[in-house]
Amino acid sequence: MTSPPLVSLTGVEKRFDDGTQALSALDLNLGRGEFLSVIGPSGCGKSTLLRLLAGLSAPSAGQIAWDHGGGGQPGGGELAVVFQEPTLMPWARVIDNVMLPLKLKGGNRQEAREKAAAILEGVGLGGFEQAFPRQLSGGMKMRVSIARALVTEPRLLLLDEPFAALDEITRLKLNDDLLALWARHGWTVVFVTHSVYESVFLSNRVVVMSPRPGRIIADLAIAAPYPRGRDFRHEPDYARSCRAVSDALAAAMTP
């Protein structure tokens, strides 16, 4: 990493009020423009880590330092989160769901509508602006959720297993689309997943977490160049990287 990291976590711990320790002595540097996947056994603290990065929870110990030099969160609009469930407003049309973050910030409504429409076009939903969520497939709802996150032009995009509930064909298509958007916009991405194959396809770096209390036990570079098309999944480099991540995950789960 040749430049200072976008965010550094040093000795981060998280203990909940019931005494459960979710994270322990976790160290992680996240570089600008990286696509980082986080993988580990269920209950290891992956989502807790994402919530700490999002500012939805505070660490019990340790420090989270951002590139502006302080320990606080980045400014409004610089960070966006996509959860496993799309959490759309069922009574609102697609365009209004995507406009929501801009409405909350205030500003010109027409400009917000034009920006939301452009983002929807970018995620392949041009022409669906006036649809309601009930009229969309699961994959389309997730695209709306991603568009809503992107409309604020974040520097950091956090995704918590966003494709886990989708069928394999839709999931593979959204993997491709997400990489295309990342290449176009240059965000920093943290992607939580249970899938070794998805983590290797998407990322230039994969970190593997131990069982609870979670900590980073492997930090693996995925050196394959971008763009990565469907053929990448059949290449020897892909198979080797999947094996390395699988081995690290197996080691994490070995007592």
Protein backbone atom coordinates (compact mmCIF):
# COMPACT_ATOMS: atom_id res chain seq x y z
CA MET A 1 0.00 0.00 0.00
CA THR A 2 1.85 3.08 -1.27
CA SER A 3 -0.50 5.74 0.13
CA PRO A 4 -2.02 6.11 3.60
CA PRO A 5 -5.01 3.77 4.05
CA LEU A 6 -8.53 5.10 3.78
CA VAL A 7 -9.27 3.54 7.17
CA SER A 8 -7.19 1.67 9.74
CA LEU A 9 -8.48 -0.55 12.53
CA THR A 10 -6.01 -1.16 15.33
CA GLY A 11 -6.67 -3.53 18.22
CA VAL A 12 -10.41 -3.25 17.70
CA GLU A 13 -12.63 -5.21 20.05
CA LYS A 14 -16.39 -5.39 20.39
CA ARG A 15 -18.16 -6.74 23.44
CA PHE A 16 -21.94 -6.56 23.67
CA ASP A 17 -23.94 -5.73 26.79
CA ASP A 18 -24.72 -9.41 27.40
CA GLY A 19 -21.00 -10.13 27.66
CA THR A 20 -20.61 -11.68 24.20
CA GLN A 21 -17.28 -10.73 22.66
CA ALA A 22 -17.71 -10.49 18.90
CA LEU A 23 -14.30 -9.12 17.89
CA SER A 24 -10.89 -9.34 19.54
CA ALA A 25 -7.61 -7.55 18.72
CA LEU A 26 -8.64 -6.97 15.13
CA ASP A 27 -6.17 -5.12 12.91
CA LEU A 28 -7.03 -4.12 9.35
CA ASN A 29 -5.91 -1.48 6.85
CA LEU A 30 -8.21 -0.65 3.95
CA GLY A 31 -6.64 1.06 0.95
CA ARG A 32 -8.29 3.56 -1.36
CA GLY A 33 -9.99 1.93 -4.31
CA GLU A 34 -9.63 -1.60 -2.94
CA PHE A 35 -12.26 -4.28 -3.34
CA LEU A 36 -11.93 -6.21 -0.09
CA SER A 37 -14.01 -9.27 0.75
CA VAL A 38 -14.45 -10.50 4.31
CA ILE A 39 -15.16 -14.20 4.78
CA GLY A 40 -15.40 -16.44 7.82
CA PRO A 41 -17.62 -18.92 9.67
CA SER A 42 -21.10 -17.91 10.78
CA GLY A 43 -21.08 -15.78 13.91
CA CYS A 44 -17.44 -14.72 13.54
CA GLY A 45 -18.22 -11.00 13.57
CA LYS A 46 -18.24 -10.13 9.86
CA SER A 47 -21.42 -8.08 10.09
CA THR A 48 -20.26 -6.56 13.37
CA LEU A 49 -17.11 -5.36 11.61
CA LEU A 50 -19.22 -3.81 8.87
CA ARG A 51 -21.43 -2.05 11.43
CA LEU A 52 -18.36 -0.59 13.10
CA LEU A 53 -17.10 0.73 9.77
CA ALA A 54 -20.54 2.18 9.06
CA GLY A 55 -20.66 3.96 12.41
CA LEU A 56 -23.76 2.01 13.44
CA SER A 57 -21.88 0.66 16.46
CA ALA A 58 -18.82 1.74 18.43
CA PRO A 59 -15.83 -0.44 19.32
CA SER A 60 -15.39 -1.46 22.94
CA ALA A 61 -11.63 -1.02 22.61
CA GLY A 62 -9.10 -0.10 19.97
CA GLN A 63 -9.18 2.60 17.33
CA ILE A 64 -10.78 3.16 13.93
CA ALA A 65 -8.88 5.96 12.19
CA TRP A 66 -9.96 7.55 8.90
CA ASP A 67 -7.75 9.32 6.41
CA HIS A 68 -8.83 12.75 7.62
CA GLY A 69 -6.71 12.06 10.69
CA GLY A 70 -9.41 11.51 13.28
CA GLY A 71 -11.21 8.57 14.78
CA GLY A 72 -14.67 9.74 13.73
CA GLN A 73 -16.71 8.68 10.73
CA PRO A 74 -16.28 10.33 7.32
CA GLY A 75 -18.67 13.10 6.42
CA GLY A 76 -22.22 12.57 5.29
CA GLY A 77 -22.62 10.96 1.89
CA GLU A 78 -19.07 9.55 1.87
CA LEU A 79 -20.19 6.14 3.10
CA ALA A 80 -23.08 3.89 2.05
CA VAL A 81 -24.32 0.49 3.22
CA VAL A 82 -26.20 -2.25 1.34
CA PHE A 83 -27.71 -4.96 3.52
CA GLN A 84 -28.75 -8.53 2.66
CA GLU A 85 -32.40 -7.47 2.45
CA PRO A 86 -33.20 -4.57 0.09
CA THR A 87 -35.33 -2.79 2.79
CA LEU A 88 -37.23 -0.74 0.22
CA MET A 89 -40.27 1.33 1.05
CA PRO A 90 -43.08 -0.80 -0.43
CA TRP A 91 -45.45 2.17 -0.84
CA ALA A 92 -42.94 4.26 -2.81
CA ARG A 93 -42.00 3.98 -6.45
CA VAL A 94 -38.50 2.92 -7.43
CA ILE A 95 -37.38 6.47 -8.24
CA ASP A 96 -38.54 7.70 -4.82
CA ASN A 97 -36.74 4.86 -3.03
CA VAL A 98 -33.50 5.82 -4.75
CA MET A 99 -34.03 9.54 -4.12
CA LEU A 100 -34.52 9.03 -0.38
CA PRO A 101 -30.92 9.81 0.74
CA LEU A 102 -30.93 12.98 -1.37
CA LYS A 103 -34.31 14.05 0.03
CA LEU A 104 -32.96 13.63 3.57
CA LYS A 105 -29.99 15.85 2.69
CA GLY A 106 -32.23 18.52 1.20
CA GLY A 107 -31.46 20.34 -2.02
CA ASN A 108 -33.10 20.64 -5.40
CA ARG A 109 -35.76 17.97 -5.94
CA GLN A 110 -35.50 17.99 -9.73
CA GLU A 111 -31.74 17.56 -9.63
CA ALA A 112 -32.19 14.69 -7.17
CA ARG A 113 -34.71 13.03 -9.50
CA GLU A 114 -32.38 13.36 -12.50
CA LYS A 115 -29.47 11.95 -10.51
CA ALA A 116 -31.55 9.01 -9.26
CA ALA A 117 -32.76 8.27 -12.79
CA ALA A 118 -29.16 8.27 -14.07
CA ILE A 119 -28.09 5.86 -11.31
CA LEU A 120 -31.00 3.54 -12.11
CA GLU A 121 -29.93 3.54 -15.74
CA GLY A 122 -26.42 2.65 -14.59
CA VAL A 123 -27.61 -0.42 -12.67
CA GLY A 124 -29.76 -1.63 -15.56
CA LEU A 125 -33.13 -0.40 -14.33
CA GLY A 126 -33.81 2.38 -16.80
CA GLY A 127 -37.54 2.38 -17.52
CA PHE A 128 -38.50 1.02 -14.10
CA GLU A 129 -38.51 4.38 -12.31
CA GLN A 130 -42.29 4.33 -11.75
CA ALA A 131 -42.56 0.69 -10.70
CA PHE A 132 -43.32 -0.35 -7.13
CA PRO A 133 -41.07 -2.84 -5.30
CA ARG A 134 -43.78 -5.53 -5.41
CA GLN A 135 -43.52 -5.49 -9.20
CA LEU A 136 -39.80 -6.34 -9.18
CA SER A 137 -37.86 -9.59 -8.92
CA GLY A 138 -35.45 -10.19 -6.06
CA GLY A 139 -32.47 -9.26 -8.21
CA MET A 140 -34.13 -6.06 -9.38
CA LYS A 141 -34.95 -5.07 -5.80
CA MET A 142 -31.29 -5.53 -4.90
CA ARG A 143 -30.31 -3.32 -7.85
CA VAL A 144 -32.61 -0.62 -6.46
CA SER A 145 -30.97 -0.97 -3.05
CA ILE A 146 -27.52 -0.61 -4.63
CA ALA A 147 -28.68 2.40 -6.65
CA ARG A 148 -29.96 4.03 -3.46
CA ALA A 149 -26.53 3.53 -1.89
CA LEU A 150 -24.71 4.93 -4.92
CA VAL A 151 -26.82 8.04 -5.40
CA THR A 152 -24.82 9.87 -2.73
CA GLU A 153 -21.54 9.11 -4.57
CA PRO A 154 -19.86 7.43 -1.57
CA ARG A 155 -16.13 6.94 -1.22
CA LEU A 156 -16.70 3.76 0.78
CA LEU A 157 -19.35 1.16 -0.09
CA LEU A 158 -20.14 -1.51 2.50
CA LEU A 159 -22.09 -4.58 1.38
CA ASP A 160 -23.33 -7.19 3.86
CA GLU A 161 -24.06 -10.41 1.91
CA PRO A 162 -26.23 -8.52 -0.59
CA PHE A 163 -26.63 -11.45 -3.00
CA ALA A 164 -26.97 -14.31 -0.51
CA ALA A 165 -30.72 -14.80 -0.99
CA LEU A 166 -30.63 -14.71 -4.80
CA ASP A 167 -30.56 -17.60 -7.26
CA GLU A 168 -27.17 -18.49 -8.74
CA ILE A 169 -27.84 -17.04 -12.21
CA THR A 170 -28.95 -13.68 -10.79
CA ARG A 171 -26.06 -13.70 -8.33
CA LEU A 172 -23.45 -14.23 -11.07
CA LYS A 173 -24.98 -11.41 -13.16
CA LEU A 174 -24.94 -9.01 -10.21
CA ASN A 175 -21.31 -9.96 -9.49
CA ASP A 176 -20.46 -8.89 -13.04
CA ASP A 177 -22.48 -5.69 -12.74
CA LEU A 178 -20.96 -4.77 -9.38
CA LEU A 179 -17.42 -5.10 -10.75
CA ALA A 180 -18.33 -2.94 -13.75
CA LEU A 181 -19.72 -0.23 -11.47
CA TRP A 182 -16.67 -0.42 -9.19
CA ALA A 183 -14.35 -0.01 -12.18
CA ARG A 184 -16.36 2.98 -13.39
CA HIS A 185 -16.68 4.84 -10.08
CA GLY A 186 -13.54 3.84 -8.16
CA TRP A 187 -15.09 3.42 -4.73
CA THR A 188 -13.49 1.49 -1.93
CA VAL A 189 -15.59 -1.62 -1.28
CA VAL A 190 -15.89 -3.93 1.72
CA PHE A 191 -17.96 -6.98 0.78
CA VAL A 192 -19.07 -9.53 3.37
CA THR A 193 -19.84 -12.98 1.97
CA HIS A 194 -19.96 -16.66 2.89
CA SER A 195 -18.93 -17.68 -0.62
CA VAL A 196 -15.28 -18.46 -1.33
CA TYR A 197 -15.97 -18.39 -5.07
CA GLU A 198 -17.69 -15.00 -4.94
CA SER A 199 -14.95 -13.48 -2.78
CA VAL A 200 -12.21 -14.54 -5.20
CA PHE A 201 -14.09 -13.44 -8.31
CA LEU A 202 -14.83 -9.95 -7.00
CA SER A 203 -11.87 -8.98 -4.89
CA ASN A 204 -8.29 -7.91 -5.16
CA ARG A 205 -7.94 -8.90 -1.49
CA VAL A 206 -9.71 -11.38 0.79
CA VAL A 207 -9.45 -11.43 4.58
CA VAL A 208 -10.45 -14.54 6.53
CA MET A 209 -11.78 -14.23 10.06
CA SER A 210 -11.55 -16.69 12.93
CA PRO A 211 -14.57 -18.00 14.85
CA ARG A 212 -15.86 -15.70 17.59
CA PRO A 213 -14.28 -13.63 18.92
CA GLY A 214 -13.39 -12.65 15.39
CA ARG A 215 -9.95 -11.52 14.30
CA ILE A 216 -8.10 -11.51 10.98
CA ILE A 217 -6.15 -14.76 10.57
CA ALA A 218 -5.39 -14.58 6.83
CA ASP A 219 -5.01 -11.68 4.41
CA LEU A 220 -4.78 -12.93 0.82
CA ALA A 221 -4.09 -10.90 -2.32
CA ILE A 222 -6.00 -11.94 -5.46
CA ALA A 223 -3.55 -10.91 -8.16
CA ALA A 224 -5.64 -11.64 -11.25
CA PRO A 225 -6.12 -8.50 -13.35
CA TYR A 226 -9.40 -6.73 -14.06
CA PRO A 227 -11.71 -6.76 -15.90
CA ARG A 228 -12.73 -10.28 -14.90
CA GLY A 229 -15.32 -11.87 -17.13
CA ARG A 230 -17.13 -15.18 -16.85
CA ASP A 231 -14.08 -16.96 -18.33
CA PHE A 232 -12.02 -16.02 -15.28
CA ARG A 233 -13.95 -18.62 -13.28
CA HIS A 234 -12.44 -21.34 -15.49
CA GLU A 235 -8.84 -20.17 -15.27
CA PRO A 236 -6.13 -21.91 -13.19
CA ASP A 237 -5.42 -18.69 -11.26
CA TYR A 238 -9.02 -18.59 -10.10
CA ALA A 239 -8.91 -22.21 -8.95
CA ARG A 240 -5.64 -21.64 -7.08
CA SER A 241 -6.97 -18.55 -5.32
CA CYS A 242 -10.19 -20.35 -4.36
CA ARG A 243 -8.10 -23.18 -2.93
CA ALA A 244 -5.98 -20.73 -0.90
CA VAL A 245 -9.05 -19.01 0.56
CA SER A 246 -10.72 -22.39 1.25
CA ASP A 247 -7.60 -23.64 3.01
CA ALA A 248 -7.42 -20.50 5.16
CA LEU A 249 -11.10 -20.84 6.03
CA ALA A 250 -10.62 -24.50 6.96
CA ALA A 251 -7.68 -23.55 9.17
CA ALA A 252 -9.79 -20.87 10.84
CA MET A 253 -12.39 -23.47 11.78
CA THR A 254 -9.91 -26.02 13.09
CA PRO A 255 -9.77 -26.03 16.91
